[in-house]
Protein backbone atom coordinates (compact mmCIF):
# COMPACT_ATOMS: atom_id res chain seq x y z
CA MET A 1 -40.75 -83.56 12.76
CA ASP A 2 -37.74 -85.72 12.02
CA ARG A 3 -35.69 -85.19 8.85
CA HIS A 4 -35.99 -88.92 8.09
CA GLN A 5 -39.72 -88.36 7.51
CA LEU A 6 -38.70 -86.15 4.58
CA GLU A 7 -36.67 -88.73 2.70
CA HIS A 8 -38.28 -87.86 -0.63
CA LEU A 9 -38.32 -84.08 -0.19
CA SER A 10 -37.08 -82.39 -3.34
CA PRO A 11 -35.28 -79.02 -3.24
CA PRO A 12 -38.21 -77.26 -5.02
CA ASP A 13 -40.60 -78.65 -2.42
CA ALA A 14 -38.21 -77.50 0.30
CA VAL A 15 -38.31 -73.96 -1.12
CA VAL A 16 -42.10 -73.97 -0.84
CA ALA A 17 -41.98 -75.30 2.72
CA LEU A 18 -39.30 -72.84 3.85
CA ARG A 19 -41.17 -69.87 2.38
CA SER A 20 -44.41 -71.06 3.96
CA TYR A 21 -42.76 -70.90 7.38
CA VAL A 22 -42.33 -67.14 7.01
CA ARG A 23 -46.09 -66.75 6.68
CA ARG A 24 -46.97 -69.45 9.20
CA PHE A 25 -44.72 -68.10 11.98
CA GLY A 26 -46.37 -64.69 11.45
CA GLU A 27 -49.80 -66.29 11.74
CA VAL A 28 -48.89 -67.95 15.04
CA LEU A 29 -47.36 -64.86 16.63
CA ARG A 30 -49.46 -61.99 15.34
CA PRO A 31 -48.61 -58.27 15.57
CA ALA A 32 -51.45 -57.89 18.09
CA ASP A 33 -49.64 -60.37 20.36
CA LEU A 34 -46.58 -58.15 20.35
CA GLU A 35 -48.62 -55.01 21.04
CA GLY A 36 -51.00 -56.54 23.57
CA ASP A 37 -50.86 -58.35 26.86
CA LEU A 38 -49.34 -61.65 25.74
CA PRO A 39 -46.73 -62.57 28.39
CA LEU A 40 -43.77 -62.98 26.04
CA THR A 41 -41.19 -63.70 28.76
CA LEU A 42 -43.33 -65.89 31.01
CA VAL A 43 -42.17 -69.51 31.08
CA VAL A 44 -45.30 -71.34 29.95
CA HIS A 45 -44.54 -74.45 27.87
CA ARG A 46 -41.91 -77.12 28.54
CA GLY A 47 -39.81 -74.54 30.37
CA TRP A 48 -39.85 -72.04 27.48
CA SER A 49 -41.18 -68.54 27.08
CA VAL A 50 -42.22 -67.25 23.65
CA ARG A 51 -39.19 -64.95 23.53
CA ASP A 52 -36.66 -67.60 24.58
CA LEU A 53 -38.06 -70.17 22.15
CA LEU A 54 -37.72 -67.67 19.29
CA ALA A 55 -34.14 -66.88 20.38
CA ALA A 56 -33.23 -70.59 20.35
CA THR A 57 -34.94 -71.06 16.98
CA ALA A 58 -33.13 -68.09 15.43
CA ASP A 59 -29.81 -69.38 16.75
CA ARG A 60 -30.36 -72.90 15.40
CA LEU A 61 -31.50 -71.63 12.00
CA ASP A 62 -28.37 -69.46 11.79
CA ARG A 63 -26.19 -72.50 12.53
CA LEU A 64 -27.99 -74.60 9.90
CA ASP A 65 -27.75 -71.76 7.38
CA ASP A 66 -24.02 -71.39 8.02
CA ALA A 67 -23.58 -75.16 7.68
CA MET A 68 -25.38 -75.12 4.32
CA ARG A 69 -23.35 -72.17 3.08
CA ARG A 70 -20.11 -73.93 4.02
CA THR A 71 -21.27 -77.20 2.48
CA LEU A 72 -22.03 -75.52 -0.84
CA ASP A 73 -18.91 -73.28 -0.83
CA GLU A 74 -16.20 -75.54 0.60
CA GLU A 75 -14.89 -78.96 -0.30
CA ARG A 76 -16.10 -81.49 2.27
CA PRO A 77 -16.29 -79.15 5.28
CA VAL A 78 -16.09 -80.57 8.79
CA LEU A 79 -18.85 -79.25 11.02
CA PRO A 80 -19.54 -79.65 14.76
CA ALA A 81 -20.93 -82.96 15.92
CA GLY A 82 -24.01 -81.42 17.54
CA LEU A 83 -25.32 -79.73 14.41
CA PHE A 84 -28.37 -82.00 14.14
CA ASP A 85 -29.15 -81.71 17.86
CA ARG A 86 -32.35 -79.85 18.58
CA PRO A 87 -32.48 -77.21 21.32
CA GLY A 88 -32.80 -79.05 24.59
CA GLU A 89 -33.02 -77.24 27.84
CA PRO A 90 -34.45 -73.76 27.96
CA PRO A 91 -32.27 -71.02 29.41
CA ALA A 92 -32.06 -71.06 33.20
CA ALA A 93 -33.04 -67.46 33.84
CA GLY A 94 -35.13 -66.63 30.80
CA HIS A 95 -35.39 -63.10 29.45
CA THR A 96 -34.98 -60.30 31.92
CA GLY A 97 -35.32 -56.59 31.38
CA GLY A 98 -35.61 -54.55 28.24
CA ASP A 99 -38.55 -54.24 25.89
CA ALA A 100 -39.83 -57.81 25.54
CA ALA A 101 -42.19 -56.93 22.68
CA ALA A 102 -39.49 -55.22 20.61
CA ASP A 103 -37.01 -58.00 21.37
CA THR A 104 -39.54 -60.69 20.43
CA ALA A 105 -40.45 -58.85 17.22
CA ARG A 106 -36.75 -58.65 16.32
CA LEU A 107 -36.34 -62.38 16.98
CA LEU A 108 -39.43 -63.25 14.91
CA ASP A 109 -37.99 -61.17 12.08
CA ALA A 110 -34.65 -63.01 12.44
CA VAL A 111 -36.41 -66.39 12.25
CA CYS A 112 -38.42 -65.37 9.18
CA SER A 113 -35.32 -63.89 7.51
CA ALA A 114 -33.42 -67.12 8.12
CA PHE A 115 -36.18 -69.14 6.44
CA GLU A 116 -36.22 -66.75 3.49
CA ARG A 117 -32.40 -66.89 3.13
CA SER A 118 -32.53 -70.66 3.19
CA ALA A 119 -35.29 -70.72 0.58
CA GLU A 120 -33.34 -68.34 -1.67
CA ARG A 121 -30.13 -70.37 -1.35
CA THR A 122 -32.06 -73.57 -2.05
CA ALA A 123 -33.70 -72.08 -5.15
CA ARG A 124 -30.29 -70.94 -6.51
CA THR A 125 -28.46 -74.20 -5.87
CA PRO A 126 -27.88 -76.41 -8.92
CA SER A 127 -29.23 -79.93 -8.51
CA LYS A 128 -25.73 -81.46 -8.82
CA ASP A 129 -24.69 -79.68 -5.59
CA TRP A 130 -27.23 -81.46 -3.36
CA SER A 131 -24.97 -84.50 -3.22
CA ARG A 132 -21.99 -82.47 -1.93
CA PRO A 133 -20.50 -84.21 1.10
CA VAL A 134 -20.21 -82.67 4.54
CA VAL A 135 -18.73 -84.22 7.67
CA ILE A 136 -20.71 -83.63 10.84
CA GLY A 137 -18.69 -84.89 13.76
CA THR A 138 -17.43 -88.20 12.44
CA ALA A 139 -20.34 -88.95 10.07
CA THR A 140 -20.47 -87.99 6.41
CA THR A 141 -23.76 -86.76 4.99
CA THR A 142 -24.88 -84.48 2.15
CA ALA A 143 -26.16 -80.99 1.48
CA HIS A 144 -29.55 -82.56 0.76
CA GLU A 145 -29.63 -84.05 4.27
CA LEU A 146 -28.88 -80.60 5.72
CA LEU A 147 -31.76 -79.20 3.67
CA ARG A 148 -34.12 -81.87 4.98
CA GLU A 149 -33.03 -81.04 8.55
CA SER A 150 -33.78 -77.35 7.99
CA VAL A 151 -37.28 -78.11 6.72
CA ALA A 152 -37.96 -80.65 9.48
CA TYR A 153 -36.68 -78.32 12.17
CA GLY A 154 -38.81 -75.50 10.78
CA ARG A 155 -41.92 -77.62 11.25
CA THR A 156 -40.90 -78.65 14.76
CA ALA A 157 -40.12 -75.05 15.72
CA LEU A 158 -43.47 -73.90 14.29
CA ASP A 159 -45.35 -76.53 16.32
CA GLU A 160 -43.44 -75.61 19.49
CA LEU A 161 -44.06 -71.89 18.94
CA ALA A 162 -47.78 -72.52 18.44
CA ALA A 163 -47.98 -74.52 21.68
CA THR A 164 -45.95 -71.91 23.58
CA VAL A 165 -48.01 -68.98 22.29
CA ASP A 166 -51.22 -70.87 23.07
CA ALA A 167 -50.00 -71.53 26.63
CA ALA A 168 -49.03 -67.87 27.01
CA ARG A 169 -52.50 -66.79 25.85
CA ARG A 170 -54.08 -69.03 28.49
CA ALA A 171 -51.69 -67.94 31.26
CA PRO A 172 -53.34 -65.98 34.03
CA THR A 173 -52.53 -62.30 33.95
CA THR A 174 -51.66 -60.52 37.15
């Protein structure tokens, strides 16, 4: 989903959407998936594994959360030009070693916590602050635009996770 599709998204509606992602991510990747035979590190969809997609999602949500915090706390912060860029290429090697189920569960928790933090910050933010300016690269935008990007990215990440988990469920087991 593109943030421009959410032109009329209000902060209260964003809170509802962000909180719904916590539930919806948990519905896509169920506890049974983490305890069962789902190949969490197998590259199955567009070059991504379930684990690597969650890692990229958690990282991007952290960057968006930090950008929002700075936008609301600082006067006209200057943020990196690539902030609105979506994760592109999956990692070259993917996940190797360790407990994939525990690592994936930790990443899912990080993603859900990031959505909850964003929802809480959004709910606490006075309406006058949504017009606060932020410079991303050389372009000036607003806190409200950052919020729309977080909601839009959440939907995109949810759709990608669903497709990746579905592909992992269909993958042949050896």
